Amino acid sequence: MSDLAGILVNGGGGELRLLPGRRLRARVVAVDGGRAVLAVAGVEVTAATDAPLAVGATVTLVVDAISEGRIALRLL
């Protein structure tokens, strides 16, 4: 799959343009096994993770790559 230039995410908080290299702040809404729900600019995103996240924590992420059907985020 080729990298896409960017992606526009719509949610209750408005629109969020994701581009590789962009930094984001997210709040951890839920953690269950290897999955977490993150609130990013009013949009809830389910992510696969092995990071030790705590519900209620605020984390900083960077968009590593975007391809069809997948956005790779890295925890800073």
PDB file of N, CA and C in Angstrom:
ATOM      1  N   MET A   1       0.835  -1.183   0.000  1.00  0.00           N
ATOM      2  CA  MET A   1       0.000   0.000   0.000  1.00  0.00           C
ATOM      3  C   MET A   1       0.879   1.245   0.000  1.00  0.00           C
ATOM      4  N   SER A   2       0.477   2.246  -0.703  1.00  0.00           N
ATOM      5  CA  SER A   2       1.259   3.466  -0.757  1.00  0.00           C
ATOM      6  C   SER A   2       0.805   4.429   0.327  1.00  0.00           C
ATOM      7  N   ASP A   3       1.724   5.292   0.766  1.00  0.00           N
ATOM      8  CA  ASP A   3       1.367   6.311   1.746  1.00  0.00           C
ATOM      9  C   ASP A   3       0.429   7.317   1.098  1.00  0.00           C
ATOM     10  N   LEU A   4      -0.562   7.734   1.849  1.00  0.00           N
ATOM     11  CA  LEU A   4      -1.458   8.786   1.407  1.00  0.00           C
ATOM     12  C   LEU A   4      -0.896  10.105   1.895  1.00  0.00           C
ATOM     13  N   ALA A   5      -1.201  11.196   1.225  1.00  0.00           N
ATOM     14  CA  ALA A   5      -0.687  12.504   1.625  1.00  0.00           C
ATOM     15  C   ALA A   5      -1.249  12.934   2.970  1.00  0.00           C
ATOM     16  N   GLY A   6      -2.451  12.552   3.286  1.00  0.00           N
ATOM     17  CA  GLY A   6      -3.091  12.932   4.533  1.00  0.00           C
ATOM     18  C   GLY A   6      -4.503  12.385   4.563  1.00  0.00           C
ATOM     19  N   ILE A   7      -5.144  12.556   5.702  1.00  0.00           N
ATOM     20  CA  ILE A   7      -6.507  12.078   5.846  1.00  0.00           C
ATOM     21  C   ILE A   7      -7.274  13.078   6.698  1.00  0.00           C
ATOM     22  N   LEU A   8      -8.543  13.258   6.391  1.00  0.00           N
ATOM     23  CA  LEU A   8      -9.405  14.162   7.125  1.00  0.00           C
ATOM     24  C   LEU A   8     -10.352  13.323   7.965  1.00  0.00           C
ATOM     25  N   VAL A   9     -10.333  13.536   9.286  1.00  0.00           N
ATOM     26  CA  VAL A   9     -11.180  12.791  10.209  1.00  0.00           C
ATOM     27  C   VAL A   9     -12.260  13.726  10.708  1.00  0.00           C
ATOM     28  N   ASN A  10     -13.524  13.295  10.621  1.00  0.00           N
ATOM     29  CA  ASN A  10     -14.647  14.091  11.106  1.00  0.00           C
ATOM     30  C   ASN A  10     -15.165  13.501  12.401  1.00  0.00           C
ATOM     31  N   GLY A  11     -15.524  14.358  13.333  1.00  0.00           N
ATOM     32  CA  GLY A  11     -16.082  13.900  14.600  1.00  0.00           C
ATOM     33  C   GLY A  11     -16.892  14.998  15.244  1.00  0.00           C
ATOM     34  N   GLY A  12     -17.359  14.735  16.464  1.00  0.00           N
ATOM     35  CA  GLY A  12     -18.183  15.695  17.180  1.00  0.00           C
ATOM     36  C   GLY A  12     -17.485  17.016  17.429  1.00  0.00           C
ATOM     37  N   GLY A  13     -16.139  16.982  17.505  1.00  0.00           N
ATOM     38  CA  GLY A  13     -15.388  18.201  17.768  1.00  0.00           C
ATOM     39  C   GLY A  13     -14.995  18.945  16.515  1.00  0.00           C
ATOM     40  N   GLY A  14     -15.408  18.478  15.356  1.00  0.00           N
ATOM     41  CA  GLY A  14     -15.054  19.133  14.099  1.00  0.00           C
ATOM     42  C   GLY A  14     -14.202  18.236  13.236  1.00  0.00           C
ATOM     43  N   GLU A  15     -13.373  18.847  12.436  1.00  0.00           N
ATOM     44  CA  GLU A  15     -12.519  18.098  11.515  1.00  0.00           C
ATOM     45  C   GLU A  15     -11.079  18.128  12.011  1.00  0.00           C
ATOM     46  N   LEU A  16     -10.374  17.060  11.744  1.00  0.00           N
ATOM     47  CA  LEU A  16      -8.980  16.945  12.129  1.00  0.00           C
ATOM     48  C   LEU A  16      -8.211  16.404  10.936  1.00  0.00           C
ATOM     49  N   ARG A  17      -7.249  17.170  10.458  1.00  0.00           N
ATOM     50  CA  ARG A  17      -6.442  16.718   9.326  1.00  0.00           C
ATOM     51  C   ARG A  17      -5.194  16.041   9.871  1.00  0.00           C
ATOM     52  N   LEU A  18      -5.025  14.779   9.488  1.00  0.00           N
ATOM     53  CA  LEU A  18      -3.861  14.009   9.914  1.00  0.00           C
ATOM     54  C   LEU A  18      -2.870  13.912   8.781  1.00  0.00           C
ATOM     55  N   LEU A  19      -1.648  14.301   9.065  1.00  0.00           N
ATOM     56  CA  LEU A  19      -0.557  14.243   8.101  1.00  0.00           C
ATOM     57  C   LEU A  19       0.634  13.592   8.781  1.00  0.00           C
ATOM     58  N   PRO A  20       1.440  12.823   8.068  1.00  0.00           N
ATOM     59  CA  PRO A  20       2.638  12.255   8.675  1.00  0.00           C
ATOM     60  C   PRO A  20       3.488  13.353   9.325  1.00  0.00           C
ATOM     61  N   GLY A  21       3.942  13.086  10.556  1.00  0.00           N
ATOM     62  CA  GLY A  21       4.747  14.053  11.292  1.00  0.00           C
ATOM     63  C   GLY A  21       3.948  14.936  12.239  1.00  0.00           C
ATOM     64  N   ARG A  22       2.627  14.962  12.085  1.00  0.00           N
ATOM     65  CA  ARG A  22       1.800  15.810  12.942  1.00  0.00           C
ATOM     66  C   ARG A  22       1.752  15.247  14.362  1.00  0.00           C
ATOM     67  N   ARG A  23       1.891  16.131  15.351  1.00  0.00           N
ATOM     68  CA  ARG A  23       1.771  15.747  16.757  1.00  0.00           C
ATOM     69  C   ARG A  23       0.344  15.968  17.218  1.00  0.00           C
ATOM     70  N   LEU A  24      -0.126  15.046  18.058  1.00  0.00           N
ATOM     71  CA  LEU A  24      -1.495  15.105  18.571  1.00  0.00           C
ATOM     72  C   LEU A  24      -1.487  14.874  20.070  1.00  0.00           C
ATOM     73  N   ARG A  25      -2.432  15.476  20.769  1.00  0.00           N
ATOM     74  CA  ARG A  25      -2.669  15.180  22.178  1.00  0.00           C
ATOM     75  C   ARG A  25      -3.936  14.352  22.221  1.00  0.00           C
ATOM     76  N   ALA A  26      -3.937  13.312  23.037  1.00  0.00           N
ATOM     77  CA  ALA A  26      -5.092  12.431  23.148  1.00  0.00           C
ATOM     78  C   ALA A  26      -5.323  12.076  24.611  1.00  0.00           C
ATOM     79  N   ARG A  27      -6.580  11.856  24.954  1.00  0.00           N
ATOM     80  CA  ARG A  27      -6.942  11.394  26.292  1.00  0.00           C
ATOM     81  C   ARG A  27      -7.308   9.925  26.196  1.00  0.00           C
ATOM     82  N   VAL A  28      -6.808   9.131  27.123  1.00  0.00           N
ATOM     83  CA  VAL A  28      -7.100   7.700  27.143  1.00  0.00           C
ATOM     84  C   VAL A  28      -8.476   7.511  27.780  1.00  0.00           C
ATOM     85  N   VAL A  29      -9.425   6.987  26.991  1.00  0.00           N
ATOM     86  CA  VAL A  29     -10.806   6.797  27.438  1.00  0.00           C
ATOM     87  C   VAL A  29     -11.011   5.408  28.032  1.00  0.00           C
ATOM     88  N   ALA A  30     -10.407   4.391  27.437  1.00  0.00           N
ATOM     89  CA  ALA A  30     -10.566   3.012  27.906  1.00  0.00           C
ATOM     90  C   ALA A  30      -9.353   2.194  27.488  1.00  0.00           C
ATOM     91  N   VAL A  31      -9.057   1.173  28.296  1.00  0.00           N
ATOM     92  CA  VAL A  31      -7.978   0.234  27.980  1.00  0.00           C
ATOM     93  C   VAL A  31      -8.504  -1.166  28.245  1.00  0.00           C
ATOM     94  N   ASP A  32      -8.319  -2.068  27.264  1.00  0.00           N
ATOM     95  CA  ASP A  32      -8.779  -3.446  27.416  1.00  0.00           C
ATOM     96  C   ASP A  32      -7.810  -4.364  26.686  1.00  0.00           C
ATOM     97  N   GLY A  33      -6.964  -5.037  27.452  1.00  0.00           N
ATOM     98  CA  GLY A  33      -5.988  -5.922  26.815  1.00  0.00           C
ATOM     99  C   GLY A  33      -5.046  -5.147  25.928  1.00  0.00           C
ATOM    100  N   GLY A  34      -4.953  -5.516  24.680  1.00  0.00           N
ATOM    101  CA  GLY A  34      -4.065  -4.857  23.729  1.00  0.00           C
ATOM    102  C   GLY A  34      -4.724  -3.748  22.941  1.00  0.00           C
ATOM    103  N   ARG A  35      -5.843  -3.231  23.438  1.00  0.00           N
ATOM    104  CA  ARG A  35      -6.548  -2.145  22.738  1.00  0.00           C
ATOM    105  C   ARG A  35      -6.808  -0.976  23.685  1.00  0.00           C
ATOM    106  N   ALA A  36      -6.826   0.216  23.115  1.00  0.00           N
ATOM    107  CA  ALA A  36      -7.148   1.422  23.877  1.00  0.00           C
ATOM    108  C   ALA A  36      -8.062   2.295  23.033  1.00  0.00           C
ATOM    109  N   VAL A  37      -8.953   3.009  23.694  1.00  0.00           N
ATOM    110  CA  VAL A  37      -9.776   4.012  23.029  1.00  0.00           C
ATOM    111  C   VAL A  37      -9.212   5.373  23.418  1.00  0.00           C
ATOM    112  N   LEU A  38      -8.878   6.166  22.408  1.00  0.00           N
ATOM    113  CA  LEU A  38      -8.283   7.482  22.608  1.00  0.00           C
ATOM    114  C   LEU A  38      -9.216   8.554  22.065  1.00  0.00           C
ATOM    115  N   ALA A  39      -9.372   9.640  22.810  1.00  0.00           N
ATOM    116  CA  ALA A  39     -10.149  10.786  22.327  1.00  0.00           C
ATOM    117  C   ALA A  39      -9.168  11.815  21.773  1.00  0.00           C
ATOM    118  N   VAL A  40      -9.270  12.051  20.463  1.00  0.00           N
ATOM    119  CA  VAL A  40      -8.390  12.990  19.770  1.00  0.00           C
ATOM    120  C   VAL A  40      -9.269  14.047  19.136  1.00  0.00           C
ATOM    121  N   ALA A  41      -9.223  15.261  19.654  1.00  0.00           N
ATOM    122  CA  ALA A  41     -10.007  16.380  19.109  1.00  0.00           C
ATOM    123  C   ALA A  41     -11.479  16.025  18.938  1.00  0.00           C
ATOM    124  N   GLY A  42     -12.048  15.377  19.945  1.00  0.00           N
ATOM    125  CA  GLY A  42     -13.470  15.045  19.905  1.00  0.00           C
ATOM    126  C   GLY A  42     -13.808  13.781  19.149  1.00  0.00           C
ATOM    127  N   VAL A  43     -12.811  13.101  18.609  1.00  0.00           N
ATOM    128  CA  VAL A  43     -13.023  11.871  17.859  1.00  0.00           C
ATOM    129  C   VAL A  43     -12.441  10.707  18.662  1.00  0.00           C
ATOM    130  N   GLU A  44     -13.261   9.662  18.921  1.00  0.00           N
ATOM    131  CA  GLU A  44     -12.753   8.488  19.611  1.00  0.00           C
ATOM    132  C   GLU A  44     -12.151   7.517  18.602  1.00  0.00           C
ATOM    133  N   VAL A  45     -10.912   7.118  18.870  1.00  0.00           N
ATOM    134  CA  VAL A  45     -10.150   6.250  17.985  1.00  0.00           C
ATOM    135  C   VAL A  45      -9.757   4.999  18.769  1.00  0.00           C
ATOM    136  N   THR A  46     -10.017   3.826  18.205  1.00  0.00           N
ATOM    137  CA  THR A  46      -9.578   2.578  18.822  1.00  0.00           C
ATOM    138  C   THR A  46      -8.213   2.222  18.257  1.00  0.00           C
ATOM    139  N   ALA A  47      -7.284   1.942  19.161  1.00  0.00           N
ATOM    140  CA  ALA A  47      -5.909   1.665  18.739  1.00  0.00           C
ATOM    141  C   ALA A  47      -5.411   0.361  19.341  1.00  0.00           C
ATOM    142  N   ALA A  48      -4.635  -0.386  18.559  1.00  0.00           N
ATOM    143  CA  ALA A  48      -3.925  -1.548  19.077  1.00  0.00           C
ATOM    144  C   ALA A  48      -2.638  -1.028  19.712  1.00  0.00           C
ATOM    145  N   THR A  49      -2.350  -1.485  20.948  1.00  0.00           N
ATOM    146  CA  THR A  49      -1.157  -1.000  21.640  1.00  0.00           C
ATOM    147  C   THR A  49      -0.678  -1.997  22.677  1.00  0.00           C
ATOM    148  N   ASP A  50       0.622  -1.974  22.931  1.00  0.00           N
ATOM    149  CA  ASP A  50       1.166  -2.740  24.046  1.00  0.00           C
ATOM    150  C   ASP A  50       1.751  -1.793  25.092  1.00  0.00           C
ATOM    151  N   ALA A  51       1.525  -0.485  24.903  1.00  0.00           N
ATOM    152  CA  ALA A  51       2.003   0.520  25.852  1.00  0.00           C
ATOM    153  C   ALA A  51       1.163   0.465  27.129  1.00  0.00           C
ATOM    154  N   PRO A  52       1.772   0.711  28.285  1.00  0.00           N
ATOM    155  CA  PRO A  52       1.035   0.702  29.546  1.00  0.00           C
ATOM    156  C   PRO A  52       0.274   2.016  29.748  1.00  0.00           C
ATOM    157  N   LEU A  53      -0.914   2.115  29.167  1.00  0.00           N
ATOM    158  CA  LEU A  53      -1.724   3.333  29.250  1.00  0.00           C
ATOM    159  C   LEU A  53      -2.703   3.244  30.413  1.00  0.00           C
ATOM    160  N   ALA A  54      -2.990   4.398  31.022  1.00  0.00           N
ATOM    161  CA  ALA A  54      -3.949   4.469  32.123  1.00  0.00           C
ATOM    162  C   ALA A  54      -5.137   5.320  31.705  1.00  0.00           C
ATOM    163  N   VAL A  55      -6.335   4.854  32.028  1.00  0.00           N
ATOM    164  CA  VAL A  55      -7.551   5.612  31.715  1.00  0.00           C
ATOM    165  C   VAL A  55      -7.447   6.987  32.369  1.00  0.00           C
ATOM    166  N   GLY A  56      -7.783   8.022  31.592  1.00  0.00           N
ATOM    167  CA  GLY A  56      -7.733   9.399  32.078  1.00  0.00           C
ATOM    168  C   GLY A  56      -6.424  10.108  31.772  1.00  0.00           C
ATOM    169  N   ALA A  57      -5.393   9.355  31.403  1.00  0.00           N
ATOM    170  CA  ALA A  57      -4.099   9.967  31.086  1.00  0.00           C
ATOM    171  C   ALA A  57      -4.168  10.732  29.772  1.00  0.00           C
ATOM    172  N   THR A  58      -3.353  11.754  29.657  1.00  0.00           N
ATOM    173  CA  THR A  58      -3.204  12.481  28.401  1.00  0.00           C
ATOM    174  C   THR A  58      -1.860  12.098  27.811  1.00  0.00           C
ATOM    175  N   VAL A  59      -1.857  11.740  26.534  1.00  0.00           N
ATOM    176  CA  VAL A  59      -0.638  11.297  25.870  1.00  0.00           C
ATOM    177  C   VAL A  59      -0.381  12.151  24.629  1.00  0.00           C
ATOM    178  N   THR A  60       0.867  12.217  24.237  1.00  0.00           N
ATOM    179  CA  THR A  60       1.257  12.905  23.009  1.00  0.00           C
ATOM    180  C   THR A  60       1.645  11.839  21.997  1.00  0.00           C
ATOM    181  N   LEU A  61       1.093  11.976  20.792  1.00  0.00           N
ATOM    182  CA  LEU A  61       1.320  11.018  19.713  1.00  0.00           C
ATOM    183  C   LEU A  61       1.837  11.760  18.494  1.00  0.00           C
ATOM    184  N   VAL A  62       2.505  11.048  17.620  1.00  0.00           N
ATOM    185  CA  VAL A  62       2.892  11.604  16.328  1.00  0.00           C
ATOM    186  C   VAL A  62       2.392  10.638  15.260  1.00  0.00           C
ATOM    187  N   VAL A  63       1.887  11.191  14.160  1.00  0.00           N
ATOM    188  CA  VAL A  63       1.433  10.376  13.029  1.00  0.00           C
ATOM    189  C   VAL A  63       2.676   9.909  12.286  1.00  0.00           C
ATOM    190  N   ASP A  64       2.922   8.592  12.330  1.00  0.00           N
ATOM    191  CA  ASP A  64       4.095   8.035  11.654  1.00  0.00           C
ATOM    192  C   ASP A  64       3.836   7.797  10.170  1.00  0.00           C
ATOM    193  N   ALA A  65       2.692   7.175   9.858  1.00  0.00           N
ATOM    194  CA  ALA A  65       2.393   6.842   8.462  1.00  0.00           C
ATOM    195  C   ALA A  65       0.888   6.693   8.287  1.00  0.00           C
ATOM    196  N   ILE A  66       0.446   6.918   7.080  1.00  0.00           N
ATOM    197  CA  ILE A  66      -0.958   6.758   6.713  1.00  0.00           C
ATOM    198  C   ILE A  66      -1.011   5.918   5.454  1.00  0.00           C
ATOM    199  N   SER A  67      -1.790   4.850   5.505  1.00  0.00           N
ATOM    200  CA  SER A  67      -2.018   4.028   4.319  1.00  0.00           C
ATOM    201  C   SER A  67      -3.495   3.678   4.306  1.00  0.00           C
ATOM    202  N   GLU A  68      -3.977   3.110   3.244  1.00  0.00           N
ATOM    203  CA  GLU A  68      -5.401   2.800   3.147  1.00  0.00           C
ATOM    204  C   GLU A  68      -5.826   1.895   4.296  1.00  0.00           C
ATOM    205  N   GLY A  69      -6.775   2.369   5.099  1.00  0.00           N
ATOM    206  CA  GLY A  69      -7.321   1.587   6.191  1.00  0.00           C
ATOM    207  C   GLY A  69      -6.510   1.586   7.461  1.00  0.00           C
ATOM    208  N   ARG A  70      -5.390   2.314   7.518  1.00  0.00           N
ATOM    209  CA  ARG A  70      -4.547   2.274   8.711  1.00  0.00           C
ATOM    210  C   ARG A  70      -3.815   3.589   8.903  1.00  0.00           C
ATOM    211  N   ILE A  71      -3.788   4.033  10.164  1.00  0.00           N
ATOM    212  CA  ILE A  71      -2.991   5.202  10.551  1.00  0.00           C
ATOM    213  C   ILE A  71      -2.045   4.720  11.645  1.00  0.00           C
ATOM    214  N   ALA A  72      -0.757   4.862  11.449  1.00  0.00           N
ATOM    215  CA  ALA A  72       0.224   4.446  12.441  1.00  0.00           C
ATOM    216  C   ALA A  72       0.591   5.650  13.302  1.00  0.00           C
ATOM    217  N   LEU A  73       0.337   5.525  14.606  1.00  0.00           N
ATOM    218  CA  LEU A  73       0.654   6.576  15.568  1.00  0.00           C
ATOM    219  C   LEU A  73       1.761   6.075  16.484  1.00  0.00           C
ATOM    220  N   ARG A  74       2.646   6.989  16.881  1.00  0.00           N
ATOM    221  CA  ARG A  74       3.731   6.632  17.795  1.00  0.00           C
ATOM    222  C   ARG A  74       3.597   7.464  19.054  1.00  0.00           C
ATOM    223  N   LEU A  75       3.720   6.804  20.205  1.00  0.00           N
ATOM    224  CA  LEU A  75       3.645   7.464  21.501  1.00  0.00           C
ATOM    225  C   LEU A  75       4.962   8.169  21.768  1.00  0.00           C
ATOM    226  N   LEU A  76       4.888   9.460  22.123  1.00  0.00           N
ATOM    227  CA  LEU A  76       6.123  10.217  22.452  1.00  0.00           C
ATOM    228  C   LEU A  76       6.344  10.234  23.942  1.00  0.00           C
TER     229      LEU A  76
END
